[in-house]
N, C-alpha and C. Protein backbone atom coordinates (compact mmCIF):
# COMPACT_ATOMS: atom_id res chain seq x y z
N MET A 1 0.74 -1.43 -0.36
CA MET A 1 0.10 0.08 -0.07
C MET A 1 0.54 1.38 -0.12
N ASN A 2 0.67 2.32 -0.50
CA ASN A 2 1.23 3.14 -1.37
C ASN A 2 0.45 4.51 -0.43
N PHE A 3 1.06 5.26 0.30
CA PHE A 3 1.38 6.82 1.59
C PHE A 3 0.81 7.46 0.12
N PRO A 4 0.03 8.44 0.10
CA PRO A 4 -0.53 9.55 -0.42
C PRO A 4 0.63 10.65 -0.47
N LEU A 5 1.46 11.03 -1.10
CA LEU A 5 2.22 12.27 -0.94
C LEU A 5 2.50 12.86 -1.56
N PHE A 6 2.03 14.51 -1.21
CA PHE A 6 2.27 15.36 -1.70
C PHE A 6 3.22 16.49 -2.09
N ILE A 7 3.86 16.33 -3.49
CA ILE A 7 5.12 16.72 -2.80
C ILE A 7 5.62 18.37 -3.95
N ASN A 8 6.58 19.25 -3.45
CA ASN A 8 7.06 20.89 -4.18
C ASN A 8 7.84 19.97 -4.69
N LEU A 9 7.53 19.76 -6.33
CA LEU A 9 8.36 20.11 -6.98
C LEU A 9 8.75 21.10 -8.15
N LYS A 10 8.28 22.35 -7.43
CA LYS A 10 9.11 23.60 -8.66
C LYS A 10 10.80 23.36 -8.15
N ASP A 11 11.22 23.58 -9.38
CA ASP A 11 12.76 23.67 -9.95
C ASP A 11 13.62 21.94 -9.36
N LYS A 12 12.60 21.33 -9.37
CA LYS A 12 13.02 19.79 -8.72
C LYS A 12 13.48 19.50 -10.07
N LYS A 13 14.64 18.68 -10.52
CA LYS A 13 15.52 18.24 -11.65
C LYS A 13 14.86 16.20 -11.80
N VAL A 14 13.55 16.32 -13.19
CA VAL A 14 13.20 15.43 -13.31
C VAL A 14 13.68 14.11 -14.51
N LEU A 15 14.74 12.85 -14.32
CA LEU A 15 14.91 12.67 -15.47
C LEU A 15 13.80 11.39 -15.96
N ILE A 16 13.32 11.46 -17.51
CA ILE A 16 12.78 10.86 -17.66
C ILE A 16 13.07 9.93 -19.25
N VAL A 17 13.78 9.01 -18.71
CA VAL A 17 14.09 7.80 -20.39
C VAL A 17 12.87 7.25 -20.60
N GLY A 18 12.99 7.80 -22.22
CA GLY A 18 11.60 7.16 -22.74
C GLY A 18 10.89 8.56 -23.51
N ALA A 19 10.52 8.26 -24.66
CA ALA A 19 9.35 9.77 -25.04
C ALA A 19 8.27 8.97 -25.80
N GLY A 20 7.52 7.96 -25.41
CA GLY A 20 6.67 7.44 -25.54
C GLY A 20 4.98 7.84 -24.74
N ALA A 21 3.73 7.69 -25.25
CA ALA A 21 3.05 8.15 -24.74
C ALA A 21 2.91 8.08 -22.98
N ILE A 22 3.06 6.99 -22.31
CA ILE A 22 3.73 7.20 -21.19
C ILE A 22 4.06 8.65 -20.70
N ALA A 23 5.17 8.48 -21.54
CA ALA A 23 7.17 9.25 -21.18
C ALA A 23 6.02 10.43 -20.98
N ALA A 24 5.51 10.94 -22.04
CA ALA A 24 4.71 12.56 -22.59
C ALA A 24 3.75 12.87 -21.55
N ARG A 25 2.97 11.57 -21.04
CA ARG A 25 1.61 11.93 -19.87
C ARG A 25 2.94 12.76 -18.95
N ARG A 26 3.29 11.50 -18.36
CA ARG A 26 4.30 11.85 -17.52
C ARG A 26 5.06 13.50 -17.54
N ALA A 27 5.71 13.74 -18.88
CA ALA A 27 6.61 15.08 -18.65
C ALA A 27 5.49 16.05 -18.83
N THR A 28 4.35 15.82 -19.36
CA THR A 28 3.18 17.10 -19.22
C THR A 28 2.82 17.47 -18.08
N VAL A 29 2.80 16.58 -17.03
CA VAL A 29 2.30 16.74 -15.57
C VAL A 29 2.89 17.30 -14.52
N LEU A 30 4.42 16.68 -15.12
CA LEU A 30 5.61 16.74 -14.00
C LEU A 30 5.67 18.47 -14.18
N THR A 31 6.15 19.06 -15.59
CA THR A 31 5.85 20.44 -15.83
C THR A 31 5.47 21.02 -15.21
N GLU A 32 3.86 20.95 -15.79
CA GLU A 32 2.85 21.97 -14.86
C GLU A 32 2.88 21.93 -13.22
N PHE A 33 3.46 21.04 -12.92
CA PHE A 33 3.52 21.21 -11.13
C PHE A 33 5.01 21.88 -11.00
N GLY A 34 5.47 22.48 -12.41
CA GLY A 34 6.96 23.16 -12.25
C GLY A 34 8.52 22.63 -12.27
N ALA A 35 8.28 21.15 -12.35
CA ALA A 35 9.84 20.52 -12.91
C ALA A 35 10.40 21.28 -13.68
N GLU A 36 11.69 20.10 -13.26
CA GLU A 36 12.66 21.19 -14.41
C GLU A 36 12.79 19.26 -15.07
N VAL A 37 12.35 19.27 -15.97
CA VAL A 37 12.28 17.91 -16.65
C VAL A 37 12.83 17.23 -18.18
N MET A 38 13.93 16.23 -17.72
CA MET A 38 14.68 15.90 -18.92
C MET A 38 14.37 14.56 -19.00
N VAL A 39 14.19 14.46 -20.67
CA VAL A 39 14.07 13.54 -21.79
C VAL A 39 15.16 13.14 -22.76
N VAL A 40 15.18 11.61 -21.66
CA VAL A 40 16.06 11.43 -23.00
C VAL A 40 15.67 10.35 -23.58
N ALA A 41 15.78 9.96 -24.87
CA ALA A 41 15.11 9.51 -26.09
C ALA A 41 15.44 9.84 -27.34
N PRO A 42 15.66 9.08 -28.15
CA PRO A 42 16.07 9.18 -29.84
C PRO A 42 15.17 9.50 -30.59
N ALA A 43 13.74 9.18 -29.61
CA ALA A 43 12.95 9.51 -30.72
C ALA A 43 11.52 10.49 -30.14
N ALA A 44 10.79 10.89 -30.43
CA ALA A 44 9.11 11.43 -29.58
C ALA A 44 8.20 11.73 -30.24
N GLY A 45 7.65 11.31 -29.36
CA GLY A 45 6.26 11.85 -30.25
C GLY A 45 5.91 13.26 -30.48
N ASP A 46 4.48 13.95 -30.91
CA ASP A 46 4.22 15.47 -30.21
C ASP A 46 4.57 16.20 -29.57
N SER A 47 3.54 15.40 -28.39
CA SER A 47 3.56 16.00 -26.81
C SER A 47 4.76 16.53 -26.53
N VAL A 48 6.17 15.15 -26.28
CA VAL A 48 7.28 15.80 -26.24
C VAL A 48 7.99 16.43 -27.02
N ARG A 49 7.85 17.11 -28.33
CA ARG A 49 8.56 17.69 -28.99
C ARG A 49 7.74 19.49 -28.87
N GLU A 50 6.89 19.40 -28.70
CA GLU A 50 6.58 20.40 -28.30
C GLU A 50 6.15 21.08 -26.83
N LEU A 51 6.51 20.40 -25.95
CA LEU A 51 7.21 20.25 -25.04
C LEU A 51 8.59 21.27 -25.06
N ALA A 52 9.50 20.70 -25.74
CA ALA A 52 11.02 20.87 -26.02
C ALA A 52 11.08 22.29 -26.48
N GLU A 53 10.16 22.16 -27.57
CA GLU A 53 10.30 23.39 -28.35
C GLU A 53 9.59 24.99 -27.68
N ALA A 54 8.36 24.65 -26.63
CA ALA A 54 8.08 25.20 -26.00
C ALA A 54 8.71 25.66 -24.74
N GLY A 55 10.11 25.07 -24.91
CA GLY A 55 11.10 25.06 -23.57
C GLY A 55 10.76 24.97 -21.81
N ARG A 56 9.40 23.77 -22.41
CA ARG A 56 8.83 23.45 -20.77
C ARG A 56 9.82 22.64 -20.54
N LEU A 57 11.08 21.56 -21.20
CA LEU A 57 11.78 20.46 -20.94
C LEU A 57 12.65 20.58 -21.82
N VAL A 58 13.74 19.84 -21.34
CA VAL A 58 15.07 19.77 -22.16
C VAL A 58 14.72 17.88 -23.07
N TRP A 59 14.81 18.52 -24.11
CA TRP A 59 15.34 16.73 -24.72
C TRP A 59 16.59 16.02 -25.55
N LYS A 60 17.08 15.57 -24.76
CA LYS A 60 18.94 14.84 -25.33
C LYS A 60 18.16 13.57 -26.23
N ARG A 61 18.02 14.01 -27.45
CA ARG A 61 17.48 12.81 -28.43
C ARG A 61 18.72 11.67 -28.99
N HIS A 62 18.99 11.23 -27.68
CA HIS A 62 20.09 9.56 -28.17
C HIS A 62 18.91 8.54 -27.28
N ALA A 63 19.37 7.62 -27.30
CA ALA A 63 19.37 6.63 -26.28
C ALA A 63 20.27 6.89 -24.89
N PHE A 64 19.39 6.12 -23.98
CA PHE A 64 20.07 6.84 -22.47
C PHE A 64 21.49 5.73 -22.56
N CYS A 65 22.10 6.49 -22.33
CA CYS A 65 23.86 5.51 -22.05
C CYS A 65 24.71 6.34 -20.98
N GLU A 66 26.01 6.26 -20.97
CA GLU A 66 26.42 6.55 -19.38
C GLU A 66 26.75 7.90 -19.49
N GLN A 67 26.31 8.67 -20.82
CA GLN A 67 26.75 10.00 -20.47
C GLN A 67 25.61 10.81 -19.84
N ASP A 68 24.88 9.94 -19.98
CA ASP A 68 23.53 10.64 -18.94
C ASP A 68 23.23 10.31 -18.07
N LEU A 69 24.23 9.74 -17.13
CA LEU A 69 24.49 9.06 -15.68
C LEU A 69 24.39 10.31 -14.06
N GLU A 70 25.21 11.55 -15.09
CA GLU A 70 25.52 13.27 -14.66
C GLU A 70 23.91 13.44 -14.60
N ALA A 71 23.68 12.97 -15.57
CA ALA A 71 22.31 13.93 -15.23
C ALA A 71 21.20 12.42 -14.52
N LEU A 72 21.31 11.60 -14.96
CA LEU A 72 20.42 11.05 -13.25
C LEU A 72 21.40 11.11 -11.96
N ASN A 73 22.29 11.45 -11.87
CA ASN A 73 22.96 11.43 -10.34
C ASN A 73 22.23 12.57 -10.00
N ARG A 74 21.89 13.98 -10.21
CA ARG A 74 21.22 15.40 -9.77
C ARG A 74 19.88 14.90 -9.96
N SER A 75 19.32 14.05 -10.22
CA SER A 75 17.80 13.81 -10.67
C SER A 75 17.02 13.74 -8.83
N PHE A 76 15.72 14.40 -8.72
CA PHE A 76 14.88 14.30 -7.90
C PHE A 76 14.47 12.95 -7.94
N LEU A 77 14.15 12.64 -8.73
CA LEU A 77 13.29 11.49 -8.96
C LEU A 77 13.47 11.02 -10.48
N VAL A 78 13.48 9.42 -10.59
CA VAL A 78 13.60 9.47 -12.39
C VAL A 78 12.55 8.64 -12.81
N ILE A 79 12.16 8.87 -14.35
CA ILE A 79 11.05 7.88 -14.78
C ILE A 79 12.01 6.85 -16.08
N ALA A 80 11.74 5.75 -15.89
CA ALA A 80 11.75 4.67 -16.32
C ALA A 80 10.68 4.10 -17.70
N ALA A 81 11.00 5.02 -18.73
CA ALA A 81 9.30 4.58 -19.88
C ALA A 81 9.99 4.74 -21.23
N THR A 82 11.28 3.18 -21.45
CA THR A 82 11.14 2.97 -22.58
C THR A 82 10.40 1.96 -23.37
N SER A 83 10.71 1.32 -24.52
CA SER A 83 9.76 0.52 -25.02
C SER A 83 10.35 -1.12 -24.92
N ASP A 84 12.00 -0.49 -24.08
CA ASP A 84 12.68 -2.08 -23.74
C ASP A 84 12.37 -2.45 -22.46
N ARG A 85 12.31 -3.53 -21.76
CA ARG A 85 12.20 -4.38 -20.65
C ARG A 85 13.52 -4.15 -19.70
N ALA A 86 14.86 -4.27 -20.86
CA ALA A 86 15.95 -3.80 -20.18
C ALA A 86 16.27 -2.60 -19.37
N VAL A 87 16.28 -2.01 -20.36
CA VAL A 87 16.47 -1.09 -20.25
C VAL A 87 15.97 -0.28 -19.38
N ASN A 88 15.03 -0.47 -19.27
CA ASN A 88 13.99 0.30 -17.82
C ASN A 88 14.89 -0.64 -16.41
N ASP A 89 14.66 -1.69 -17.10
CA ASP A 89 15.68 -2.41 -15.86
C ASP A 89 16.87 -2.15 -14.80
N HIS A 90 17.78 -1.44 -15.50
CA HIS A 90 19.04 -1.23 -15.41
C HIS A 90 18.88 0.45 -14.65
N ILE A 91 18.00 0.94 -15.63
CA ILE A 91 17.70 2.20 -15.26
C ILE A 91 17.20 2.35 -13.80
N VAL A 92 16.09 1.41 -13.32
CA VAL A 92 16.41 0.88 -11.80
C VAL A 92 17.11 0.71 -10.56
N GLN A 93 17.99 -0.45 -11.43
CA GLN A 93 19.21 -0.43 -10.46
C GLN A 93 19.69 0.99 -10.49
N LEU A 94 20.15 1.36 -11.25
CA LEU A 94 21.03 2.27 -11.35
C LEU A 94 20.47 3.34 -10.35
N CYS A 95 19.35 3.71 -10.45
CA CYS A 95 18.83 5.06 -9.38
C CYS A 95 18.73 3.92 -7.80
N HIS A 96 18.03 2.62 -7.95
CA HIS A 96 18.59 1.95 -6.38
C HIS A 96 19.72 2.27 -5.85
N GLU A 97 20.62 1.65 -6.48
CA GLU A 97 21.73 1.54 -6.27
C GLU A 97 22.51 3.11 -5.71
N ARG A 98 21.99 4.58 -5.72
CA ARG A 98 21.76 5.75 -5.87
C ARG A 98 21.31 6.59 -4.59
N HIS A 99 19.73 5.36 -4.63
CA HIS A 99 18.63 5.91 -3.59
C HIS A 99 18.26 7.24 -3.93
N ILE A 100 18.15 6.81 -5.71
CA ILE A 100 16.75 7.97 -6.21
C ILE A 100 15.57 7.76 -6.84
N PRO A 101 14.59 7.98 -6.45
CA PRO A 101 12.85 6.92 -6.32
C PRO A 101 12.95 7.04 -8.16
N VAL A 102 12.58 6.11 -8.16
CA VAL A 102 12.12 5.61 -9.44
C VAL A 102 11.07 5.18 -9.66
N ASN A 103 10.57 5.13 -11.09
CA ASN A 103 9.32 4.54 -11.46
C ASN A 103 9.60 3.82 -12.70
N HIS A 104 8.70 2.53 -12.65
CA HIS A 104 9.25 1.61 -14.06
C HIS A 104 8.11 1.49 -14.21
N ALA A 105 7.61 2.10 -16.02
CA ALA A 105 6.87 2.69 -16.71
C ALA A 105 5.65 1.09 -16.84
N GLY A 106 7.14 -0.30 -17.01
CA GLY A 106 6.18 -1.21 -17.09
C GLY A 106 5.95 -2.68 -15.95
N ASP A 107 6.37 -2.14 -14.96
CA ASP A 107 6.84 -2.92 -13.68
C ASP A 107 6.23 -2.16 -12.53
N GLN A 108 4.99 -2.32 -11.98
CA GLN A 108 4.87 -1.80 -10.64
C GLN A 108 5.14 -2.58 -9.55
N THR A 109 5.95 -3.60 -9.61
CA THR A 109 6.30 -4.42 -8.47
C THR A 109 7.45 -3.20 -8.51
N GLN A 110 8.16 -2.70 -9.51
CA GLN A 110 9.51 -2.11 -9.16
C GLN A 110 9.54 -0.95 -9.18
N CYS A 111 8.37 -0.03 -8.88
CA CYS A 111 8.40 1.40 -8.51
C CYS A 111 8.70 1.94 -6.91
N ASP A 112 9.34 2.47 -7.08
CA ASP A 112 9.46 3.72 -5.09
C ASP A 112 8.17 4.59 -5.47
N PHE A 113 7.08 4.78 -6.38
CA PHE A 113 6.15 5.95 -6.70
C PHE A 113 5.21 5.46 -7.67
N GLN A 114 4.37 6.02 -8.02
CA GLN A 114 3.47 5.67 -8.57
C GLN A 114 2.63 7.60 -8.50
N PHE A 115 2.35 7.43 -10.65
CA PHE A 115 1.38 8.38 -10.58
C PHE A 115 -0.19 8.31 -10.09
N PRO A 116 -0.58 8.82 -9.34
CA PRO A 116 -2.18 9.31 -9.48
C PRO A 116 -2.61 9.49 -10.62
N ALA A 117 -4.31 9.51 -10.84
CA ALA A 117 -4.89 10.22 -11.14
C ALA A 117 -5.27 11.67 -10.43
N ILE A 118 -5.39 12.81 -11.73
CA ILE A 118 -4.88 13.48 -11.04
C ILE A 118 -5.67 14.39 -11.04
N VAL A 119 -6.93 15.08 -9.93
CA VAL A 119 -7.94 16.04 -10.43
C VAL A 119 -7.66 17.14 -9.42
N ARG A 120 -8.02 18.23 -10.46
CA ARG A 120 -7.68 19.84 -10.30
C ARG A 120 -8.80 20.63 -10.27
N ASN A 121 -8.93 21.64 -9.36
CA ASN A 121 -9.73 23.17 -9.43
C ASN A 121 -9.00 24.04 -8.24
N ASP A 122 -8.24 24.37 -8.57
CA ASP A 122 -6.81 25.96 -7.82
C ASP A 122 -8.30 25.85 -6.49
N PRO A 123 -7.95 26.12 -5.30
CA PRO A 123 -6.73 25.64 -5.17
C PRO A 123 -6.49 23.73 -4.67
N VAL A 124 -7.42 23.06 -4.68
CA VAL A 124 -7.47 22.06 -4.16
C VAL A 124 -6.77 20.96 -5.62
N VAL A 125 -5.72 19.89 -4.92
CA VAL A 125 -5.75 18.76 -5.88
C VAL A 125 -5.90 17.90 -5.26
N ILE A 126 -6.53 16.77 -5.74
CA ILE A 126 -6.55 15.70 -5.42
C ILE A 126 -6.06 14.36 -6.06
N GLY A 127 -4.96 13.14 -5.59
CA GLY A 127 -4.64 12.25 -6.22
C GLY A 127 -5.48 11.24 -6.10
N VAL A 128 -5.75 10.10 -7.44
CA VAL A 128 -6.32 9.01 -6.93
C VAL A 128 -5.84 8.09 -7.50
N ASN A 129 -5.73 6.85 -6.63
CA ASN A 129 -4.78 6.10 -7.37
C ASN A 129 -5.12 4.24 -6.68
N ALA A 130 -5.50 3.76 -7.49
CA ALA A 130 -5.14 2.67 -6.10
C ALA A 130 -3.80 1.21 -6.75
N GLY A 131 -3.55 1.56 -6.22
CA GLY A 131 -1.80 0.92 -6.22
C GLY A 131 -1.52 -0.02 -7.69
N GLY A 132 -2.17 0.89 -8.99
CA GLY A 132 -1.53 -0.25 -9.85
C GLY A 132 -2.78 -1.05 -10.33
N LYS A 133 -3.79 -1.18 -9.50
CA LYS A 133 -4.60 -2.94 -9.79
C LYS A 133 -6.29 -2.62 -10.02
N ASP A 134 -6.74 -1.67 -9.94
CA ASP A 134 -7.70 -1.22 -10.96
C ASP A 134 -7.66 0.11 -11.40
N HIS A 135 -7.29 0.53 -13.24
CA HIS A 135 -7.09 1.50 -13.38
C HIS A 135 -8.81 2.62 -14.06
N GLY A 136 -9.13 1.42 -14.14
CA GLY A 136 -10.90 1.42 -14.71
C GLY A 136 -11.76 2.38 -13.12
N LEU A 137 -11.05 2.12 -12.31
CA LEU A 137 -11.99 2.47 -11.21
C LEU A 137 -11.82 3.64 -11.00
N VAL A 138 -9.91 3.74 -10.99
CA VAL A 138 -9.12 4.96 -10.36
C VAL A 138 -10.44 5.81 -11.64
N LYS A 139 -10.28 5.65 -12.97
CA LYS A 139 -10.52 6.52 -14.41
C LYS A 139 -12.30 6.76 -13.57
N ARG A 140 -13.16 5.94 -12.99
CA ARG A 140 -14.30 6.74 -12.63
C ARG A 140 -14.45 7.13 -11.40
N VAL A 141 -13.40 6.94 -10.38
CA VAL A 141 -13.40 7.89 -8.98
C VAL A 141 -12.99 9.27 -9.74
N ALA A 142 -12.41 8.93 -10.08
CA ALA A 142 -11.39 10.70 -11.23
C ALA A 142 -12.18 11.34 -11.45
N ALA A 143 -13.13 10.75 -12.45
CA ALA A 143 -14.52 11.16 -13.12
C ALA A 143 -15.37 12.08 -12.94
N GLU A 144 -15.71 10.97 -11.28
CA GLU A 144 -16.78 11.65 -10.69
C GLU A 144 -16.45 12.78 -10.08
N LEU A 145 -15.03 12.82 -9.33
CA LEU A 145 -14.20 14.31 -8.78
C LEU A 145 -14.81 15.15 -9.81
N ARG A 146 -14.16 15.24 -10.37
CA ARG A 146 -14.02 16.25 -11.89
C ARG A 146 -15.30 16.92 -11.76
N GLU A 147 -16.39 16.36 -11.91
CA GLU A 147 -17.95 16.34 -12.39
C GLU A 147 -18.34 17.22 -10.89
N TRP A 148 -18.16 16.50 -10.46
CA TRP A 148 -18.15 16.72 -8.04
C TRP A 148 -17.92 18.41 -8.14
N MET A 149 -16.87 18.33 -8.70
CA MET A 149 -16.24 19.95 -8.43
C MET A 149 -16.49 20.77 -9.65
N ALA A 150 -16.88 20.48 -10.66
CA ALA A 150 -16.92 21.33 -11.63
C ALA A 150 -17.89 22.68 -11.28
């Protein structure tokens, strides 16, 4: 069971390895909450490209490699979200060795933290999570909360 914790991400460095749909969703929400996001991926979809072009994140256009260890070492959080499980597993290992919280997008058992469904209506922020077990329930609860708060 995870404890819901709200963290001030303003100016905190977050490294996201990968730039697919999951990485793009994480990058978008993290930048909205003030994190300094760096994405490492040789290619990216429109969302990551647009965020980079708008100056909301830094996109390093290459596969994760040794030269990225410095960025990893300075990170407050890391998200391993490539399509290659072995790469994600390796990133998790590197983070655990350095005591850096990491999220493995493909394996909840390797996550130090999870992303909730976020419901916002300033100044209220609500996070909804079911521990990775029932995404449908989380979506329904979040939708009900959004409707209730409208």
